[in-house]
Amino acid sequence: MGYGLVLVGLGFSFRAMGRFRQAHTTLDPHGSVSAIVTEGPYRISRNPIYLGLLCTLIGLPLVLGTFWGAVLSPVFIITMNQLVIKHEEAYLEGKFKDVYTNYKSRVRRWL
């Protein structure tokens, strides 16, 4: 199960990063975003890179025979929501207005 979560997590993250490259926009959340990406994994999650990291955070310790990733996952989610995602969403809403607001109403933050 751990290997599966790691593979799914890494695959999801790399696919999402590839969509950014195809859209010719930045992965840097502090950079100047030039487009909203809504295809590929972004159809089911507004934050597929973070979701992939979460899967890896849970899966890697399972591979090693521990459960600390499952214990830390709520901390990761809360931290990402408060310190990263909240600011990214405010930036995207300010820059893309209704386009991002409509996307946000259709696609969940995590899953």
C-alpha atoms as a PDB file:
ATOM      1  CA  MET A   1       0.000   0.000   0.000  1.00  0.00           C
ATOM      2  CA  GLY A   2       2.818   2.395   0.829  1.00  0.00           C
ATOM      3  CA  TYR A   3       4.491   1.926  -2.539  1.00  0.00           C
ATOM      4  CA  GLY A   4       1.182   2.541  -4.290  1.00  0.00           C
ATOM      5  CA  LEU A   5       0.624   5.806  -2.410  1.00  0.00           C
ATOM      6  CA  VAL A   6       4.148   6.987  -3.201  1.00  0.00           C
ATOM      7  CA  LEU A   7       3.745   6.145  -6.891  1.00  0.00           C
ATOM      8  CA  VAL A   8       0.314   7.764  -7.105  1.00  0.00           C
ATOM      9  CA  GLY A   9       1.549  10.818  -5.206  1.00  0.00           C
ATOM     10  CA  LEU A  10       4.631  11.337  -7.336  1.00  0.00           C
ATOM     11  CA  GLY A  11       2.709  10.637 -10.532  1.00  0.00           C
ATOM     12  CA  PHE A  12      -0.016  13.096  -9.608  1.00  0.00           C
ATOM     13  CA  SER A  13       2.521  15.801  -8.708  1.00  0.00           C
ATOM     14  CA  PHE A  14       4.627  15.362 -11.840  1.00  0.00           C
ATOM     15  CA  ARG A  15       1.560  15.300 -14.100  1.00  0.00           C
ATOM     16  CA  ALA A  16       0.350  18.524 -12.500  1.00  0.00           C
ATOM     17  CA  MET A  17       3.754  20.169 -12.944  1.00  0.00           C
ATOM     18  CA  GLY A  18       3.721  19.107 -16.593  1.00  0.00           C
ATOM     19  CA  ARG A  19       0.403  20.929 -17.059  1.00  0.00           C
ATOM     20  CA  PHE A  20       2.012  24.114 -15.765  1.00  0.00           C
ATOM     21  CA  ARG A  21       4.798  23.774 -18.323  1.00  0.00           C
ATOM     22  CA  GLN A  22       2.281  23.146 -21.121  1.00  0.00           C
ATOM     23  CA  ALA A  23       0.407  26.300 -20.120  1.00  0.00           C
ATOM     24  CA  HIS A  24       3.706  28.267 -20.085  1.00  0.00           C
ATOM     25  CA  THR A  25       3.112  29.496 -16.561  1.00  0.00           C
ATOM     26  CA  THR A  26       5.188  29.356 -13.404  1.00  0.00           C
ATOM     27  CA  LEU A  27       5.200  26.772 -10.649  1.00  0.00           C
ATOM     28  CA  ASP A  28       6.474  29.436  -8.246  1.00  0.00           C
ATOM     29  CA  PRO A  29       3.521  30.521  -6.108  1.00  0.00           C
ATOM     30  CA  HIS A  30       5.236  33.884  -5.619  1.00  0.00           C
ATOM     31  CA  GLY A  31       5.945  34.302  -9.332  1.00  0.00           C
ATOM     32  CA  SER A  32       3.800  35.989 -11.914  1.00  0.00           C
ATOM     33  CA  VAL A  33       1.186  33.436 -12.943  1.00  0.00           C
ATOM     34  CA  SER A  34       0.117  33.862 -16.567  1.00  0.00           C
ATOM     35  CA  ALA A  35      -2.690  31.275 -16.807  1.00  0.00           C
ATOM     36  CA  ILE A  36      -5.135  29.237 -14.777  1.00  0.00           C
ATOM     37  CA  VAL A  37      -4.555  25.510 -15.298  1.00  0.00           C
ATOM     38  CA  THR A  38      -7.810  23.536 -15.157  1.00  0.00           C
ATOM     39  CA  GLU A  39      -7.037  20.367 -17.103  1.00  0.00           C
ATOM     40  CA  GLY A  40      -5.488  17.037 -16.212  1.00  0.00           C
ATOM     41  CA  PRO A  41      -5.286  16.555 -12.452  1.00  0.00           C
ATOM     42  CA  TYR A  42      -6.584  20.109 -11.986  1.00  0.00           C
ATOM     43  CA  ARG A  43     -10.029  18.837 -13.010  1.00  0.00           C
ATOM     44  CA  ILE A  44     -10.339  16.960  -9.709  1.00  0.00           C
ATOM     45  CA  SER A  45      -8.192  19.035  -7.322  1.00  0.00           C
ATOM     46  CA  ARG A  46      -7.179  22.694  -7.246  1.00  0.00           C
ATOM     47  CA  ASN A  47      -3.935  21.602  -5.575  1.00  0.00           C
ATOM     48  CA  PRO A  48      -2.834  18.308  -7.125  1.00  0.00           C
ATOM     49  CA  ILE A  49       0.858  18.939  -6.423  1.00  0.00           C
ATOM     50  CA  TYR A  50       0.140  19.310  -2.711  1.00  0.00           C
ATOM     51  CA  LEU A  51      -2.196  16.322  -2.858  1.00  0.00           C
ATOM     52  CA  GLY A  52       0.599  14.280  -4.433  1.00  0.00           C
ATOM     53  CA  LEU A  53       2.983  15.385  -1.698  1.00  0.00           C
ATOM     54  CA  LEU A  54       0.397  14.339   0.904  1.00  0.00           C
ATOM     55  CA  CYS A  55       0.132  10.867  -0.644  1.00  0.00           C
ATOM     56  CA  THR A  56       3.922  10.607  -0.589  1.00  0.00           C
ATOM     57  CA  LEU A  57       4.024  11.837   3.025  1.00  0.00           C
ATOM     58  CA  ILE A  58       1.675   9.026   4.017  1.00  0.00           C
ATOM     59  CA  GLY A  59       3.088   6.354   1.699  1.00  0.00           C
ATOM     60  CA  LEU A  60       6.827   6.659   2.291  1.00  0.00           C
ATOM     61  CA  PRO A  61       6.659   5.957   6.031  1.00  0.00           C
ATOM     62  CA  LEU A  62       4.339   3.010   5.304  1.00  0.00           C
ATOM     63  CA  VAL A  63       7.051   1.613   3.019  1.00  0.00           C
ATOM     64  CA  LEU A  64       9.453   1.951   5.951  1.00  0.00           C
ATOM     65  CA  GLY A  65       7.015   0.242   8.321  1.00  0.00           C
ATOM     66  CA  THR A  66       5.887   3.266  10.323  1.00  0.00           C
ATOM     67  CA  PHE A  67       2.697   5.280  10.571  1.00  0.00           C
ATOM     68  CA  TRP A  68       4.116   8.750  11.324  1.00  0.00           C
ATOM     69  CA  GLY A  69       3.069  10.006   7.873  1.00  0.00           C
ATOM     70  CA  ALA A  70      -0.580   9.337   8.678  1.00  0.00           C
ATOM     71  CA  VAL A  71      -0.122  11.092  12.018  1.00  0.00           C
ATOM     72  CA  LEU A  72       1.547  14.116  10.393  1.00  0.00           C
ATOM     73  CA  SER A  73      -0.835  14.389   7.447  1.00  0.00           C
ATOM     74  CA  PRO A  74      -3.417  16.555   9.289  1.00  0.00           C
ATOM     75  CA  VAL A  75      -0.596  18.911  10.286  1.00  0.00           C
ATOM     76  CA  PHE A  76       0.508  19.086   6.649  1.00  0.00           C
ATOM     77  CA  ILE A  77      -3.039  19.829   5.443  1.00  0.00           C
ATOM     78  CA  ILE A  78      -3.680  22.537   8.047  1.00  0.00           C
ATOM     79  CA  THR A  79      -0.278  24.131   7.455  1.00  0.00           C
ATOM     80  CA  MET A  80      -0.665  24.145   3.675  1.00  0.00           C
ATOM     81  CA  ASN A  81      -4.207  25.551   3.886  1.00  0.00           C
ATOM     82  CA  GLN A  82      -3.242  28.368   6.236  1.00  0.00           C
ATOM     83  CA  LEU A  83       0.286  29.299   5.163  1.00  0.00           C
ATOM     84  CA  VAL A  84       0.275  28.579   1.435  1.00  0.00           C
ATOM     85  CA  ILE A  85      -3.047  27.833  -0.258  1.00  0.00           C
ATOM     86  CA  LYS A  86      -5.006  30.681   1.341  1.00  0.00           C
ATOM     87  CA  HIS A  87      -2.477  33.197  -0.024  1.00  0.00           C
ATOM     88  CA  GLU A  88      -2.260  31.554  -3.439  1.00  0.00           C
ATOM     89  CA  GLU A  89      -6.048  31.593  -3.781  1.00  0.00           C
ATOM     90  CA  ALA A  90      -6.242  35.272  -2.799  1.00  0.00           C
ATOM     91  CA  TYR A  91      -3.589  36.095  -5.416  1.00  0.00           C
ATOM     92  CA  LEU A  92      -5.370  34.084  -8.131  1.00  0.00           C
ATOM     93  CA  GLU A  93      -8.772  35.594  -7.307  1.00  0.00           C
ATOM     94  CA  GLY A  94      -7.275  39.081  -7.487  1.00  0.00           C
ATOM     95  CA  LYS A  95      -5.544  38.418 -10.775  1.00  0.00           C
ATOM     96  CA  PHE A  96      -8.089  36.264 -12.634  1.00  0.00           C
ATOM     97  CA  LYS A  97     -11.322  37.373 -10.902  1.00  0.00           C
ATOM     98  CA  ASP A  98     -14.404  35.470 -12.143  1.00  0.00           C
ATOM     99  CA  VAL A  99     -12.382  32.916 -14.106  1.00  0.00           C
ATOM    100  CA  TYR A 100     -10.742  31.670 -10.909  1.00  0.00           C
ATOM    101  CA  THR A 101     -13.877  32.087  -8.793  1.00  0.00           C
ATOM    102  CA  ASN A 102     -15.835  29.913 -11.257  1.00  0.00           C
ATOM    103  CA  TYR A 103     -13.074  27.298 -11.272  1.00  0.00           C
ATOM    104  CA  LYS A 104     -12.971  27.392  -7.469  1.00  0.00           C
ATOM    105  CA  SER A 105     -16.726  26.772  -7.304  1.00  0.00           C
ATOM    106  CA  ARG A 106     -16.424  23.677  -9.550  1.00  0.00           C
ATOM    107  CA  VAL A 107     -13.301  21.997  -8.187  1.00  0.00           C
ATOM    108  CA  ARG A 108     -12.537  21.166  -4.572  1.00  0.00           C
ATOM    109  CA  ARG A 109      -9.375  22.356  -2.835  1.00  0.00           C
ATOM    110  CA  TRP A 110      -7.999  18.878  -2.103  1.00  0.00           C
ATOM    111  CA  LEU A 111     -10.361  16.167  -3.368  1.00  0.00           C
END
